Amino acid sequence: MASVYITMSQAMDGRTPVLPALVTKSEIINSSSVSQPTAIEASGLSDTEIVTITVSGGPVWVSIGKNPTAKQGEGWLVLDNHTMERGRLARGFKVAVVDA
């Protein structure tokens, strides 16, 4: 089981990979062998909304979408003590995680 810290925020101008100083939304999920989606979701108010996912305590598989289901061996693998960033979240997009 890993602690997965998920933040959603706006990129500075949409053209450069600069993260903002302020986080718009955040949530911590304790991963398990069952896919768990976030309660927070992307606002879709601009095309620069990004998600940052930081993992501590073990690797996880990640899925992003309107109704994401994380599955082992599919999506993105985020290793223990690593951070992944993905961008251009559409309105209603969530993040789901499952133990690797």
PDB file of N, CA and C in Angstrom:
ATOM      1  N   MET A   1       0.846  -1.184   0.000  1.00  0.00           N
ATOM      2  CA  MET A   1       0.000   0.000   0.000  1.00  0.00           C
ATOM      3  C   MET A   1       0.885   1.239   0.000  1.00  0.00           C
ATOM      4  N   ALA A   2       0.562   2.165  -0.862  1.00  0.00           N
ATOM      5  CA  ALA A   2       1.310   3.416  -0.976  1.00  0.00           C
ATOM      6  C   ALA A   2       0.393   4.588  -0.670  1.00  0.00           C
ATOM      7  N   SER A   3       0.979   5.675  -0.205  1.00  0.00           N
ATOM      8  CA  SER A   3       0.260   6.940  -0.098  1.00  0.00           C
ATOM      9  C   SER A   3       0.486   7.673  -1.410  1.00  0.00           C
ATOM     10  N   VAL A   4      -0.612   8.064  -2.058  1.00  0.00           N
ATOM     11  CA  VAL A   4      -0.532   8.719  -3.355  1.00  0.00           C
ATOM     12  C   VAL A   4      -1.103  10.120  -3.200  1.00  0.00           C
ATOM     13  N   TYR A   5      -0.255  11.126  -3.375  1.00  0.00           N
ATOM     14  CA  TYR A   5      -0.654  12.531  -3.233  1.00  0.00           C
ATOM     15  C   TYR A   5      -0.938  13.077  -4.619  1.00  0.00           C
ATOM     16  N   ILE A   6      -2.157  13.525  -4.845  1.00  0.00           N
ATOM     17  CA  ILE A   6      -2.598  13.977  -6.156  1.00  0.00           C
ATOM     18  C   ILE A   6      -2.989  15.440  -6.074  1.00  0.00           C
ATOM     19  N   THR A   7      -2.437  16.261  -6.961  1.00  0.00           N
ATOM     20  CA  THR A   7      -2.815  17.669  -7.017  1.00  0.00           C
ATOM     21  C   THR A   7      -3.275  18.013  -8.427  1.00  0.00           C
ATOM     22  N   MET A   8      -4.209  18.947  -8.505  1.00  0.00           N
ATOM     23  CA  MET A   8      -4.646  19.498  -9.787  1.00  0.00           C
ATOM     24  C   MET A   8      -4.433  20.998  -9.727  1.00  0.00           C
ATOM     25  N   SER A   9      -3.881  21.557 -10.798  1.00  0.00           N
ATOM     26  CA  SER A   9      -3.593  22.990 -10.838  1.00  0.00           C
ATOM     27  C   SER A   9      -3.500  23.441 -12.288  1.00  0.00           C
ATOM     28  N   GLN A  10      -3.318  24.733 -12.483  1.00  0.00           N
ATOM     29  CA  GLN A  10      -3.184  25.316 -13.812  1.00  0.00           C
ATOM     30  C   GLN A  10      -1.706  25.541 -14.114  1.00  0.00           C
ATOM     31  N   ALA A  11      -1.260  25.147 -15.303  1.00  0.00           N
ATOM     32  CA  ALA A  11       0.098  25.475 -15.728  1.00  0.00           C
ATOM     33  C   ALA A  11       0.192  26.984 -15.885  1.00  0.00           C
ATOM     34  N   MET A  12       1.378  27.512 -15.781  1.00  0.00           N
ATOM     35  CA  MET A  12       1.539  28.969 -15.764  1.00  0.00           C
ATOM     36  C   MET A  12       0.955  29.660 -16.986  1.00  0.00           C
ATOM     37  N   ASP A  13       1.275  29.194 -18.190  1.00  0.00           N
ATOM     38  CA  ASP A  13       0.720  29.859 -19.365  1.00  0.00           C
ATOM     39  C   ASP A  13       0.299  28.885 -20.455  1.00  0.00           C
ATOM     40  N   GLY A  14       0.437  27.610 -20.198  1.00  0.00           N
ATOM     41  CA  GLY A  14       0.034  26.611 -21.164  1.00  0.00           C
ATOM     42  C   GLY A  14       1.066  26.309 -22.229  1.00  0.00           C
ATOM     43  N   ARG A  15       2.129  27.106 -22.312  1.00  0.00           N
ATOM     44  CA  ARG A  15       3.161  26.879 -23.326  1.00  0.00           C
ATOM     45  C   ARG A  15       4.464  26.366 -22.722  1.00  0.00           C
ATOM     46  N   THR A  16       4.673  26.655 -21.459  1.00  0.00           N
ATOM     47  CA  THR A  16       5.914  26.235 -20.817  1.00  0.00           C
ATOM     48  C   THR A  16       5.611  25.262 -19.689  1.00  0.00           C
ATOM     49  N   PRO A  17       6.514  24.324 -19.406  1.00  0.00           N
ATOM     50  CA  PRO A  17       6.270  23.326 -18.363  1.00  0.00           C
ATOM     51  C   PRO A  17       6.567  23.863 -16.961  1.00  0.00           C
ATOM     52  N   VAL A  18       5.924  24.953 -16.606  1.00  0.00           N
ATOM     53  CA  VAL A  18       6.154  25.562 -15.295  1.00  0.00           C
ATOM     54  C   VAL A  18       4.938  25.329 -14.419  1.00  0.00           C
ATOM     55  N   LEU A  19       5.177  24.734 -13.256  1.00  0.00           N
ATOM     56  CA  LEU A  19       4.078  24.492 -12.329  1.00  0.00           C
ATOM     57  C   LEU A  19       3.773  25.759 -11.540  1.00  0.00           C
ATOM     58  N   PRO A  20       2.519  25.960 -11.188  1.00  0.00           N
ATOM     59  CA  PRO A  20       2.139  27.153 -10.434  1.00  0.00           C
ATOM     60  C   PRO A  20       2.540  27.042  -8.968  1.00  0.00           C
ATOM     61  N   ALA A  21       2.556  28.167  -8.286  1.00  0.00           N
ATOM     62  CA  ALA A  21       2.873  28.184  -6.861  1.00  0.00           C
ATOM     63  C   ALA A  21       1.694  27.684  -6.023  1.00  0.00           C
ATOM     64  N   LEU A  22       0.482  27.821  -6.545  1.00  0.00           N
ATOM     65  CA  LEU A  22      -0.714  27.438  -5.797  1.00  0.00           C
ATOM     66  C   LEU A  22      -1.362  26.193  -6.386  1.00  0.00           C
ATOM     67  N   VAL A  23      -1.759  25.294  -5.499  1.00  0.00           N
ATOM     68  CA  VAL A  23      -2.476  24.084  -5.892  1.00  0.00           C
ATOM     69  C   VAL A  23      -3.972  24.391  -5.869  1.00  0.00           C
ATOM     70  N   THR A  24      -4.678  23.986  -6.903  1.00  0.00           N
ATOM     71  CA  THR A  24      -6.120  24.213  -6.966  1.00  0.00           C
ATOM     72  C   THR A  24      -6.880  23.200  -6.120  1.00  0.00           C
ATOM     73  N   LYS A  25      -6.528  21.913  -6.268  1.00  0.00           N
ATOM     74  CA  LYS A  25      -7.196  20.824  -5.541  1.00  0.00           C
ATOM     75  C   LYS A  25      -6.156  19.778  -5.178  1.00  0.00           C
ATOM     76  N   SER A  26      -6.388  19.068  -4.083  1.00  0.00           N
ATOM     77  CA  SER A  26      -5.471  17.981  -3.735  1.00  0.00           C
ATOM     78  C   SER A  26      -6.207  16.894  -2.961  1.00  0.00           C
ATOM     79  N   GLU A  27      -5.627  15.712  -2.991  1.00  0.00           N
ATOM     80  CA  GLU A  27      -6.216  14.561  -2.303  1.00  0.00           C
ATOM     81  C   GLU A  27      -5.124  13.526  -2.063  1.00  0.00           C
ATOM     82  N   ILE A  28      -5.245  12.781  -0.976  1.00  0.00           N
ATOM     83  CA  ILE A  28      -4.337  11.673  -0.692  1.00  0.00           C
ATOM     84  C   ILE A  28      -5.151  10.388  -0.723  1.00  0.00           C
ATOM     85  N   ILE A  29      -4.669   9.412  -1.476  1.00  0.00           N
ATOM     86  CA  ILE A  29      -5.308   8.102  -1.547  1.00  0.00           C
ATOM     87  C   ILE A  29      -4.315   7.075  -1.035  1.00  0.00           C
ATOM     88  N   ASN A  30      -4.782   6.158  -0.208  1.00  0.00           N
ATOM     89  CA  ASN A  30      -3.973   5.010   0.191  1.00  0.00           C
ATOM     90  C   ASN A  30      -4.315   3.885  -0.768  1.00  0.00           C
ATOM     91  N   SER A  31      -3.359   3.533  -1.616  1.00  0.00           N
ATOM     92  CA  SER A  31      -3.630   2.551  -2.660  1.00  0.00           C
ATOM     93  C   SER A  31      -3.861   1.166  -2.075  1.00  0.00           C
ATOM     94  N   SER A  32      -4.488   0.317  -2.884  1.00  0.00           N
ATOM     95  CA  SER A  32      -4.723  -1.074  -2.494  1.00  0.00           C
ATOM     96  C   SER A  32      -4.761  -1.919  -3.760  1.00  0.00           C
ATOM     97  N   SER A  33      -5.185  -3.168  -3.635  1.00  0.00           N
ATOM     98  CA  SER A  33      -5.266  -4.054  -4.795  1.00  0.00           C
ATOM     99  C   SER A  33      -6.518  -3.784  -5.632  1.00  0.00           C
ATOM    100  N   VAL A  34      -7.348  -2.836  -5.184  1.00  0.00           N
ATOM    101  CA  VAL A  34      -8.574  -2.457  -5.897  1.00  0.00           C
ATOM    102  C   VAL A  34      -8.419  -1.025  -6.393  1.00  0.00           C
ATOM    103  N   SER A  35      -8.804  -0.767  -7.633  1.00  0.00           N
ATOM    104  CA  SER A  35      -8.712   0.576  -8.202  1.00  0.00           C
ATOM    105  C   SER A  35      -9.537   1.569  -7.376  1.00  0.00           C
ATOM    106  N   GLN A  36      -8.924   2.720  -7.101  1.00  0.00           N
ATOM    107  CA  GLN A  36      -9.600   3.770  -6.337  1.00  0.00           C
ATOM    108  C   GLN A  36      -9.513   5.088  -7.091  1.00  0.00           C
ATOM    109  N   PRO A  37     -10.668   5.677  -7.455  1.00  0.00           N
ATOM    110  CA  PRO A  37     -10.658   6.976  -8.124  1.00  0.00           C
ATOM    111  C   PRO A  37     -10.632   8.112  -7.111  1.00  0.00           C
ATOM    112  N   THR A  38     -10.167   9.265  -7.564  1.00  0.00           N
ATOM    113  CA  THR A  38     -10.184  10.444  -6.711  1.00  0.00           C
ATOM    114  C   THR A  38     -11.603  10.975  -6.565  1.00  0.00           C
ATOM    115  N   ALA A  39     -11.831  11.694  -5.487  1.00  0.00           N
ATOM    116  CA  ALA A  39     -13.080  12.446  -5.326  1.00  0.00           C
ATOM    117  C   ALA A  39     -12.963  13.768  -6.091  1.00  0.00           C
ATOM    118  N   ILE A  40     -11.751  14.316  -6.152  1.00  0.00           N
ATOM    119  CA  ILE A  40     -11.544  15.568  -6.885  1.00  0.00           C
ATOM    120  C   ILE A  40     -11.550  15.282  -8.383  1.00  0.00           C
ATOM    121  N   GLU A  41     -11.962  16.284  -9.145  1.00  0.00           N
ATOM    122  CA  GLU A  41     -11.955  16.142 -10.598  1.00  0.00           C
ATOM    123  C   GLU A  41     -11.570  17.458 -11.241  1.00  0.00           C
ATOM    124  N   ALA A  42     -11.123  17.379 -12.471  1.00  0.00           N
ATOM    125  CA  ALA A  42     -10.691  18.567 -13.203  1.00  0.00           C
ATOM    126  C   ALA A  42     -11.888  19.473 -13.490  1.00  0.00           C
ATOM    127  N   SER A  43     -11.641  20.769 -13.400  1.00  0.00           N
ATOM    128  CA  SER A  43     -12.708  21.743 -13.653  1.00  0.00           C
ATOM    129  C   SER A  43     -12.947  21.949 -15.138  1.00  0.00           C
ATOM    130  N   GLY A  44     -11.902  21.760 -15.941  1.00  0.00           N
ATOM    131  CA  GLY A  44     -12.039  21.950 -17.376  1.00  0.00           C
ATOM    132  C   GLY A  44     -12.230  23.395 -17.786  1.00  0.00           C
ATOM    133  N   LEU A  45     -11.887  24.324 -16.892  1.00  0.00           N
ATOM    134  CA  LEU A  45     -12.083  25.738 -17.191  1.00  0.00           C
ATOM    135  C   LEU A  45     -11.052  26.295 -18.161  1.00  0.00           C
ATOM    136  N   SER A  46      -9.940  25.597 -18.325  1.00  0.00           N
ATOM    137  CA  SER A  46      -8.939  26.016 -19.303  1.00  0.00           C
ATOM    138  C   SER A  46      -8.246  24.779 -19.838  1.00  0.00           C
ATOM    139  N   ASP A  47      -7.470  24.950 -20.890  1.00  0.00           N
ATOM    140  CA  ASP A  47      -6.766  23.793 -21.454  1.00  0.00           C
ATOM    141  C   ASP A  47      -5.378  23.623 -20.843  1.00  0.00           C
ATOM    142  N   THR A  48      -5.130  24.304 -19.718  1.00  0.00           N
ATOM    143  CA  THR A  48      -3.822  24.185 -19.072  1.00  0.00           C
ATOM    144  C   THR A  48      -3.896  23.466 -17.732  1.00  0.00           C
ATOM    145  N   GLU A  49      -5.014  22.830 -17.417  1.00  0.00           N
ATOM    146  CA  GLU A  49      -5.121  22.135 -16.135  1.00  0.00           C
ATOM    147  C   GLU A  49      -4.273  20.861 -16.170  1.00  0.00           C
ATOM    148  N   ILE A  50      -3.465  20.669 -15.127  1.00  0.00           N
ATOM    149  CA  ILE A  50      -2.543  19.542 -15.044  1.00  0.00           C
ATOM    150  C   ILE A  50      -2.744  18.782 -13.745  1.00  0.00           C
ATOM    151  N   VAL A  51      -2.248  17.556 -13.707  1.00  0.00           N
ATOM    152  CA  VAL A  51      -2.281  16.750 -12.487  1.00  0.00           C
ATOM    153  C   VAL A  51      -0.852  16.318 -12.172  1.00  0.00           C
ATOM    154  N   THR A  52      -0.516  16.343 -10.891  1.00  0.00           N
ATOM    155  CA  THR A  52       0.763  15.869 -10.390  1.00  0.00           C
ATOM    156  C   THR A  52       0.482  14.745  -9.405  1.00  0.00           C
ATOM    157  N   ILE A  53       1.169  13.625  -9.574  1.00  0.00           N
ATOM    158  CA  ILE A  53       0.937  12.439  -8.746  1.00  0.00           C
ATOM    159  C   ILE A  53       2.263  12.034  -8.124  1.00  0.00           C
ATOM    160  N   THR A  54       2.324  12.033  -6.794  1.00  0.00           N
ATOM    161  CA  THR A  54       3.538  11.659  -6.070  1.00  0.00           C
ATOM    162  C   THR A  54       3.243  10.428  -5.224  1.00  0.00           C
ATOM    163  N   VAL A  55       4.129   9.438  -5.294  1.00  0.00           N
ATOM    164  CA  VAL A  55       3.906   8.150  -4.635  1.00  0.00           C
ATOM    165  C   VAL A  55       4.957   7.912  -3.563  1.00  0.00           C
ATOM    166  N   SER A  56       4.507   7.420  -2.403  1.00  0.00           N
ATOM    167  CA  SER A  56       5.404   7.050  -1.315  1.00  0.00           C
ATOM    168  C   SER A  56       4.909   5.761  -0.677  1.00  0.00           C
ATOM    169  N   GLY A  57       5.740   4.733  -0.682  1.00  0.00           N
ATOM    170  CA  GLY A  57       5.364   3.492  -0.021  1.00  0.00           C
ATOM    171  C   GLY A  57       5.204   2.304  -0.951  1.00  0.00           C
ATOM    172  N   GLY A  58       5.465   2.487  -2.232  1.00  0.00           N
ATOM    173  CA  GLY A  58       5.367   1.391  -3.192  1.00  0.00           C
ATOM    174  C   GLY A  58       4.863   1.895  -4.528  1.00  0.00           C
ATOM    175  N   PRO A  59       5.125   1.169  -5.608  1.00  0.00           N
ATOM    176  CA  PRO A  59       4.698   1.600  -6.929  1.00  0.00           C
ATOM    177  C   PRO A  59       3.192   1.427  -7.136  1.00  0.00           C
ATOM    178  N   VAL A  60       2.623   2.252  -8.021  1.00  0.00           N
ATOM    179  CA  VAL A  60       1.200   2.152  -8.352  1.00  0.00           C
ATOM    180  C   VAL A  60       0.999   2.304  -9.856  1.00  0.00           C
ATOM    181  N   TRP A  61      -0.092   1.757 -10.345  1.00  0.00           N
ATOM    182  CA  TRP A  61      -0.547   1.987 -11.712  1.00  0.00           C
ATOM    183  C   TRP A  61      -1.571   3.101 -11.672  1.00  0.00           C
ATOM    184  N   VAL A  62      -1.542   3.978 -12.673  1.00  0.00           N
ATOM    185  CA  VAL A  62      -2.400   5.160 -12.710  1.00  0.00           C
ATOM    186  C   VAL A  62      -3.203   5.197 -14.007  1.00  0.00           C
ATOM    187  N   SER A  63      -4.462   5.572 -13.888  1.00  0.00           N
ATOM    188  CA  SER A  63      -5.323   5.808 -15.042  1.00  0.00           C
ATOM    189  C   SER A  63      -5.985   7.169 -14.855  1.00  0.00           C
ATOM    190  N   ILE A  64      -6.158   7.914 -15.949  1.00  0.00           N
ATOM    191  CA  ILE A  64      -6.768   9.240 -15.899  1.00  0.00           C
ATOM    192  C   ILE A  64      -7.884   9.300 -16.929  1.00  0.00           C
ATOM    193  N   GLY A  65      -9.046   9.829 -16.532  1.00  0.00           N
ATOM    194  CA  GLY A  65     -10.162   9.947 -17.468  1.00  0.00           C
ATOM    195  C   GLY A  65     -11.450  10.290 -16.740  1.00  0.00           C
ATOM    196  N   LYS A  66     -12.568  10.268 -17.463  1.00  0.00           N
ATOM    197  CA  LYS A  66     -13.873  10.614 -16.863  1.00  0.00           C
ATOM    198  C   LYS A  66     -14.314   9.571 -15.842  1.00  0.00           C
ATOM    199  N   ASN A  67     -14.125   8.306 -16.140  1.00  0.00           N
ATOM    200  CA  ASN A  67     -14.457   7.212 -15.221  1.00  0.00           C
ATOM    201  C   ASN A  67     -13.293   6.228 -15.206  1.00  0.00           C
ATOM    202  N   PRO A  68     -12.149   6.659 -14.667  1.00  0.00           N
ATOM    203  CA  PRO A  68     -10.958   5.818 -14.774  1.00  0.00           C
ATOM    204  C   PRO A  68     -10.997   4.594 -13.870  1.00  0.00           C
ATOM    205  N   THR A  69     -10.436   3.514 -14.365  1.00  0.00           N
ATOM    206  CA  THR A  69     -10.217   2.312 -13.568  1.00  0.00           C
ATOM    207  C   THR A  69      -8.761   1.918 -13.768  1.00  0.00           C
ATOM    208  N   ALA A  70      -7.993   1.989 -12.702  1.00  0.00           N
ATOM    209  CA  ALA A  70      -6.585   1.606 -12.781  1.00  0.00           C
ATOM    210  C   ALA A  70      -6.480   0.086 -12.769  1.00  0.00           C
ATOM    211  N   LYS A  71      -5.642  -0.440 -13.662  1.00  0.00           N
ATOM    212  CA  LYS A  71      -5.437  -1.886 -13.758  1.00  0.00           C
ATOM    213  C   LYS A  71      -3.953  -2.167 -13.795  1.00  0.00           C
ATOM    214  N   GLN A  72      -3.565  -3.246 -13.147  1.00  0.00           N
ATOM    215  CA  GLN A  72      -2.161  -3.626 -13.159  1.00  0.00           C
ATOM    216  C   GLN A  72      -1.726  -3.931 -14.588  1.00  0.00           C
ATOM    217  N   GLY A  73      -0.601  -3.347 -14.986  1.00  0.00           N
ATOM    218  CA  GLY A  73      -0.065  -3.579 -16.315  1.00  0.00           C
ATOM    219  C   GLY A  73      -0.620  -2.664 -17.387  1.00  0.00           C
ATOM    220  N   GLU A  74      -1.500  -1.711 -17.005  1.00  0.00           N
ATOM    221  CA  GLU A  74      -2.081  -0.779 -17.973  1.00  0.00           C
ATOM    222  C   GLU A  74      -1.940   0.654 -17.467  1.00  0.00           C
ATOM    223  N   GLY A  75      -1.874   1.596 -18.365  1.00  0.00           N
ATOM    224  CA  GLY A  75      -1.760   3.003 -17.975  1.00  0.00           C
ATOM    225  C   GLY A  75      -0.323   3.356 -17.668  1.00  0.00           C
ATOM    226  N   TRP A  76      -0.147   4.205 -16.649  1.00  0.00           N
ATOM    227  CA  TRP A  76       1.194   4.661 -16.273  1.00  0.00           C
ATOM    228  C   TRP A  76       1.611   4.013 -14.965  1.00  0.00           C
ATOM    229  N   LEU A  77       2.846   3.548 -14.922  1.00  0.00           N
ATOM    230  CA  LEU A  77       3.434   3.009 -13.700  1.00  0.00           C
ATOM    231  C   LEU A  77       4.230   4.127 -13.039  1.00  0.00           C
ATOM    232  N   VAL A  78       3.884   4.439 -11.792  1.00  0.00           N
ATOM    233  CA  VAL A  78       4.630   5.440 -11.032  1.00  0.00           C
ATOM    234  C   VAL A  78       5.342   4.697  -9.908  1.00  0.00           C
ATOM    235  N   LEU A  79       6.655   4.777  -9.912  1.00  0.00           N
ATOM    236  CA  LEU A  79       7.464   4.056  -8.939  1.00  0.00           C
ATOM    237  C   LEU A  79       7.470   4.758  -7.585  1.00  0.00           C
ATOM    238  N   ASP A  80       7.818   4.004  -6.552  1.00  0.00           N
ATOM    239  CA  ASP A  80       7.918   4.535  -5.191  1.00  0.00           C
ATOM    240  C   ASP A  80       8.858   5.741  -5.164  1.00  0.00           C
ATOM    241  N   ASN A  81       8.455   6.771  -4.456  1.00  0.00           N
ATOM    242  CA  ASN A  81       9.241   8.002  -4.301  1.00  0.00           C
ATOM    243  C   ASN A  81       9.458   8.746  -5.611  1.00  0.00           C
ATOM    244  N   HIS A  82       8.516   8.621  -6.530  1.00  0.00           N
ATOM    245  CA  HIS A  82       8.578   9.331  -7.805  1.00  0.00           C
ATOM    246  C   HIS A  82       7.327  10.192  -7.988  1.00  0.00           C
ATOM    247  N   THR A  83       7.437  11.155  -8.901  1.00  0.00           N
ATOM    248  CA  THR A  83       6.329  12.043  -9.239  1.00  0.00           C
ATOM    249  C   THR A  83       6.097  11.999 -10.738  1.00  0.00           C
ATOM    250  N   MET A  84       4.835  12.003 -11.126  1.00  0.00           N
ATOM    251  CA  MET A  84       4.452  12.031 -12.533  1.00  0.00           C
ATOM    252  C   MET A  84       3.540  13.230 -12.759  1.00  0.00           C
ATOM    253  N   GLU A  85       3.706  13.907 -13.878  1.00  0.00           N
ATOM    254  CA  GLU A  85       2.831  15.026 -14.236  1.00  0.00           C
ATOM    255  C   GLU A  85       2.192  14.739 -15.581  1.00  0.00           C
ATOM    256  N   ARG A  86       0.915  15.027 -15.700  1.00  0.00           N
ATOM    257  CA  ARG A  86       0.202  14.886 -16.965  1.00  0.00           C
ATOM    258  C   ARG A  86      -0.673  16.114 -17.144  1.00  0.00           C
ATOM    259  N   GLY A  87      -0.889  16.476 -18.381  1.00  0.00           N
ATOM    260  CA  GLY A  87      -1.600  17.715 -18.609  1.00  0.00           C
ATOM    261  C   GLY A  87      -2.762  17.634 -19.560  1.00  0.00           C
ATOM    262  N   ARG A  88      -3.362  18.787 -19.662  1.00  0.00           N
ATOM    263  CA  ARG A  88      -4.544  19.016 -20.466  1.00  0.00           C
ATOM    264  C   ARG A  88      -5.692  18.104 -20.037  1.00  0.00           C
ATOM    265  N   LEU A  89      -6.132  18.305 -18.811  1.00  0.00           N
ATOM    266  CA  LEU A  89      -7.241  17.530 -18.261  1.00  0.00           C
ATOM    267  C   LEU A  89      -8.559  18.143 -18.715  1.00  0.00           C
ATOM    268  N   ALA A  90      -9.443  17.327 -19.212  1.00  0.00           N
ATOM    269  CA  ALA A  90     -10.772  17.792 -19.602  1.00  0.00           C
ATOM    270  C   ALA A  90     -11.683  17.853 -18.376  1.00  0.00           C
ATOM    271  N   ARG A  91     -12.766  18.578 -18.484  1.00  0.00           N
ATOM    272  CA  ARG A  91     -13.735  18.708 -17.392  1.00  0.00           C
ATOM    273  C   ARG A  91     -14.185  17.316 -16.932  1.00  0.00           C
ATOM    274  N   GLY A  92     -14.152  17.107 -15.617  1.00  0.00           N
ATOM    275  CA  GLY A  92     -14.614  15.853 -15.038  1.00  0.00           C
ATOM    276  C   GLY A  92     -13.573  14.752 -14.965  1.00  0.00           C
ATOM    277  N   PHE A  93     -12.376  14.973 -15.515  1.00  0.00           N
ATOM    278  CA  PHE A  93     -11.339  13.960 -15.437  1.00  0.00           C
ATOM    279  C   PHE A  93     -10.940  13.698 -13.981  1.00  0.00           C
ATOM    280  N   LYS A  94     -10.751  12.433 -13.656  1.00  0.00           N
ATOM    281  CA  LYS A  94     -10.300  11.997 -12.333  1.00  0.00           C
ATOM    282  C   LYS A  94      -9.056  11.138 -12.520  1.00  0.00           C
ATOM    283  N   VAL A  95      -8.457  10.759 -11.392  1.00  0.00           N
ATOM    284  CA  VAL A  95      -7.294   9.879 -11.377  1.00  0.00           C
ATOM    285  C   VAL A  95      -7.670   8.638 -10.579  1.00  0.00           C
ATOM    286  N   ALA A  96      -7.300   7.465 -11.073  1.00  0.00           N
ATOM    287  CA  ALA A  96      -7.495   6.223 -10.323  1.00  0.00           C
ATOM    288  C   ALA A  96      -6.144   5.560 -10.140  1.00  0.00           C
ATOM    289  N   VAL A  97      -5.964   4.897  -8.982  1.00  0.00           N
ATOM    290  CA  VAL A  97      -4.698   4.220  -8.696  1.00  0.00           C
ATOM    291  C   VAL A  97      -4.967   2.817  -8.160  1.00  0.00           C
ATOM    292  N   VAL A  98      -3.998   1.928  -8.394  1.00  0.00           N
ATOM    293  CA  VAL A  98      -4.051   0.571  -7.863  1.00  0.00           C
ATOM    294  C   VAL A  98      -2.602   0.137  -7.601  1.00  0.00           C
ATOM    295  N   ASP A  99      -2.399  -0.702  -6.595  1.00  0.00           N
ATOM    296  CA  ASP A  99      -1.058  -1.205  -6.295  1.00  0.00           C
ATOM    297  C   ASP A  99      -0.468  -1.919  -7.503  1.00  0.00           C
ATOM    298  N   ALA A 100       0.831  -1.749  -7.694  1.00  0.00           N
ATOM    299  CA  ALA A 100       1.524  -2.460  -8.780  1.00  0.00           C
ATOM    300  C   ALA A 100       1.980  -3.819  -8.308  1.00  0.00           C
TER     301      ALA A 100
END
